[in-house]
Amino acid sequence: ADFCVAVMTYSGHRRWTVKTHGSWLRRVRHFFFGDVEYSHPPTVAVAKPPGHQGGNNPSEHRWIPAVQYANISCRPFKWLLLVDDDTYLVMTNVRKMLLREDHRLPWYLGYAHPPVKGSKFHARCLTNSKRRRSSKPSCC
């Protein structure tokens, strides 16, 4: 009950969703959000909003509906993990790391899009003591 995973996908990655569903997601509550609804693995279809131009990420418009859906369908949870369908998490390690942290603080783990100025790839992370005092939603 500590975790809920929302996986962003699209029909071109159908094989990935099937493999992901049968591997590291087996023992964690999860949902898939894509452009087409499937019964296996259960995939919620989210249409592109009118006028959406899109970018290089075919599932970029699905993040907000995924959070809304998870808050209705996956409660209670302490951690909501939003991942792409090509992500692989070792949940044993994720549990060890996150369950010792305060789930009420804002967290961001991953790449910053676009990268933070002065940083080639990763978002700048606050130290543990600064994160506890921070109200910024982008801290990691």
Protein backbone atom coordinates (compact mmCIF):
# COMPACT_ATOMS: atom_id res chain seq x y z
CA ALA A 1 0.00 0.00 0.00
CA ASP A 2 3.02 2.30 0.05
CA PHE A 3 3.42 2.57 -3.74
CA CYS A 4 1.35 3.18 -6.84
CA VAL A 5 3.03 3.24 -10.24
CA ALA A 6 1.56 5.06 -13.25
CA VAL A 7 3.22 4.00 -16.50
CA MET A 8 3.01 6.25 -19.57
CA THR A 9 2.88 4.37 -22.86
CA TYR A 10 1.45 4.40 -26.36
CA SER A 11 0.31 1.76 -28.84
CA GLY A 12 3.70 1.63 -30.55
CA HIS A 13 5.17 0.27 -27.31
CA ARG A 14 2.61 -2.49 -26.71
CA ARG A 15 5.33 -5.16 -26.36
CA TRP A 16 7.06 -3.05 -23.69
CA THR A 17 3.90 -2.70 -21.62
CA VAL A 18 3.30 -6.46 -21.68
CA LYS A 19 6.89 -7.15 -20.60
CA THR A 20 6.88 -4.44 -17.93
CA HIS A 21 3.54 -5.67 -16.55
CA GLY A 22 5.00 -9.19 -16.20
CA SER A 23 8.33 -8.22 -14.70
CA TRP A 24 9.10 -5.54 -12.11
CA LEU A 25 5.44 -4.42 -11.79
CA ARG A 26 4.14 -7.86 -10.77
CA ARG A 27 4.03 -7.09 -7.04
CA VAL A 28 3.12 -3.40 -7.04
CA ARG A 29 -0.16 -1.63 -7.76
CA HIS A 30 0.09 -0.03 -11.16
CA PHE A 31 -1.79 1.41 -14.11
CA PHE A 32 -0.87 2.03 -17.74
CA PHE A 33 -1.93 5.19 -19.56
CA GLY A 34 -1.77 5.15 -23.34
CA ASP A 35 -3.43 6.26 -26.54
CA VAL A 36 -5.39 2.98 -26.88
CA GLU A 37 -7.36 1.07 -24.24
CA TYR A 38 -6.32 -2.56 -23.69
CA SER A 39 -7.67 -5.18 -21.32
CA HIS A 40 -4.26 -6.86 -20.83
CA PRO A 41 -2.35 -5.29 -19.40
CA PRO A 42 -5.09 -2.89 -18.31
CA THR A 43 -4.42 0.37 -20.14
CA VAL A 44 -6.44 3.54 -19.72
CA ALA A 45 -6.78 5.47 -23.00
CA VAL A 46 -6.16 9.21 -22.78
CA ALA A 47 -6.84 11.19 -25.93
CA LYS A 48 -4.69 14.12 -26.94
CA PRO A 49 -6.33 17.39 -25.90
CA PRO A 50 -7.76 19.51 -28.74
CA GLY A 51 -5.07 21.64 -30.33
CA HIS A 52 -2.23 19.62 -28.76
CA GLN A 53 0.82 19.99 -30.98
CA GLY A 54 2.89 17.39 -29.18
CA GLY A 55 6.61 17.14 -28.91
CA ASN A 56 9.02 14.26 -29.12
CA ASN A 57 7.24 12.40 -26.32
CA PRO A 58 4.00 10.72 -27.49
CA SER A 59 2.70 10.40 -23.92
CA GLU A 60 3.56 13.86 -22.55
CA HIS A 61 -0.09 14.91 -22.24
CA ARG A 62 -0.96 11.89 -20.05
CA TRP A 63 0.82 12.87 -16.83
CA ILE A 64 -1.94 14.98 -15.27
CA PRO A 65 -4.78 12.52 -16.06
CA ALA A 66 -2.55 9.74 -14.69
CA VAL A 67 -2.11 11.54 -11.37
CA GLN A 68 -5.84 12.23 -11.17
CA TYR A 69 -6.69 8.61 -11.98
CA ALA A 70 -4.19 7.27 -9.44
CA ASN A 71 -5.56 9.54 -6.71
CA ILE A 72 -9.02 8.08 -7.30
CA SER A 73 -8.18 4.44 -8.06
CA CYS A 74 -4.97 3.65 -6.20
CA ARG A 75 -5.44 5.18 -2.73
CA PRO A 76 -4.03 4.80 -0.15
CA PHE A 77 -0.39 5.21 -1.15
CA LYS A 78 2.57 7.14 0.18
CA TRP A 79 4.48 7.31 -3.09
CA LEU A 80 3.16 7.77 -6.61
CA LEU A 81 5.79 6.85 -9.17
CA LEU A 82 5.28 8.26 -12.68
CA VAL A 83 7.41 6.42 -15.22
CA ASP A 84 7.68 5.81 -18.95
CA ASP A 85 7.18 2.35 -20.38
CA ASP A 86 10.90 1.94 -21.04
CA THR A 87 11.72 2.42 -17.35
CA TYR A 88 12.91 -0.46 -15.19
CA LEU A 89 12.85 -0.06 -11.42
CA VAL A 90 14.26 -2.48 -8.89
CA MET A 91 11.41 -2.09 -6.42
CA THR A 92 13.39 -3.61 -3.53
CA ASN A 93 15.88 -0.75 -3.87
CA VAL A 94 13.17 1.85 -4.44
CA ARG A 95 11.42 0.70 -1.25
CA LYS A 96 14.65 0.79 0.78
CA MET A 97 15.42 4.31 -0.41
CA LEU A 98 11.98 5.93 -0.25
CA LEU A 99 10.48 4.32 2.85
CA ARG A 100 13.15 5.92 5.02
CA GLU A 101 12.25 9.36 3.62
CA ASP A 102 9.35 11.65 4.46
CA HIS A 103 6.67 11.01 1.82
CA ARG A 104 5.01 14.34 2.62
CA LEU A 105 7.94 16.28 1.11
CA PRO A 106 7.99 17.05 -2.61
CA TRP A 107 10.37 14.83 -4.58
CA TYR A 108 11.61 14.66 -8.14
CA LEU A 109 13.88 11.80 -9.19
CA GLY A 110 15.14 11.81 -12.74
CA TYR A 111 16.06 14.12 -15.55
CA ALA A 112 15.03 17.76 -15.71
CA HIS A 113 13.34 18.67 -18.97
CA PRO A 114 14.83 20.96 -20.14
CA PRO A 115 18.11 20.51 -18.24
CA VAL A 116 18.79 22.97 -15.44
CA LYS A 117 21.01 25.83 -16.63
CA GLY A 118 24.63 24.98 -15.92
CA SER A 119 23.86 21.27 -15.58
CA LYS A 120 24.44 19.05 -18.60
CA PHE A 121 21.82 16.38 -17.91
CA HIS A 122 20.45 16.02 -14.40
CA ALA A 123 18.35 18.33 -12.30
CA ARG A 124 20.22 19.91 -9.45
CA CYS A 125 19.40 18.12 -6.24
CA LEU A 126 19.10 19.72 -2.84
CA THR A 127 20.97 18.16 0.05
CA ASN A 128 18.85 16.21 2.51
CA SER A 129 18.82 19.03 5.09
CA LYS A 130 17.90 21.70 2.51
CA ARG A 131 15.20 19.44 0.99
CA ARG A 132 13.50 19.11 4.36
CA ARG A 133 13.23 22.91 4.57
CA SER A 134 12.32 23.42 0.92
CA SER A 135 8.87 24.14 -0.45
CA LYS A 136 10.04 23.83 -4.08
CA PRO A 137 8.22 21.06 -5.96
CA SER A 138 11.29 20.38 -8.11
CA CYS A 139 13.61 19.22 -5.37
CA CYS A 140 14.85 15.68 -5.67
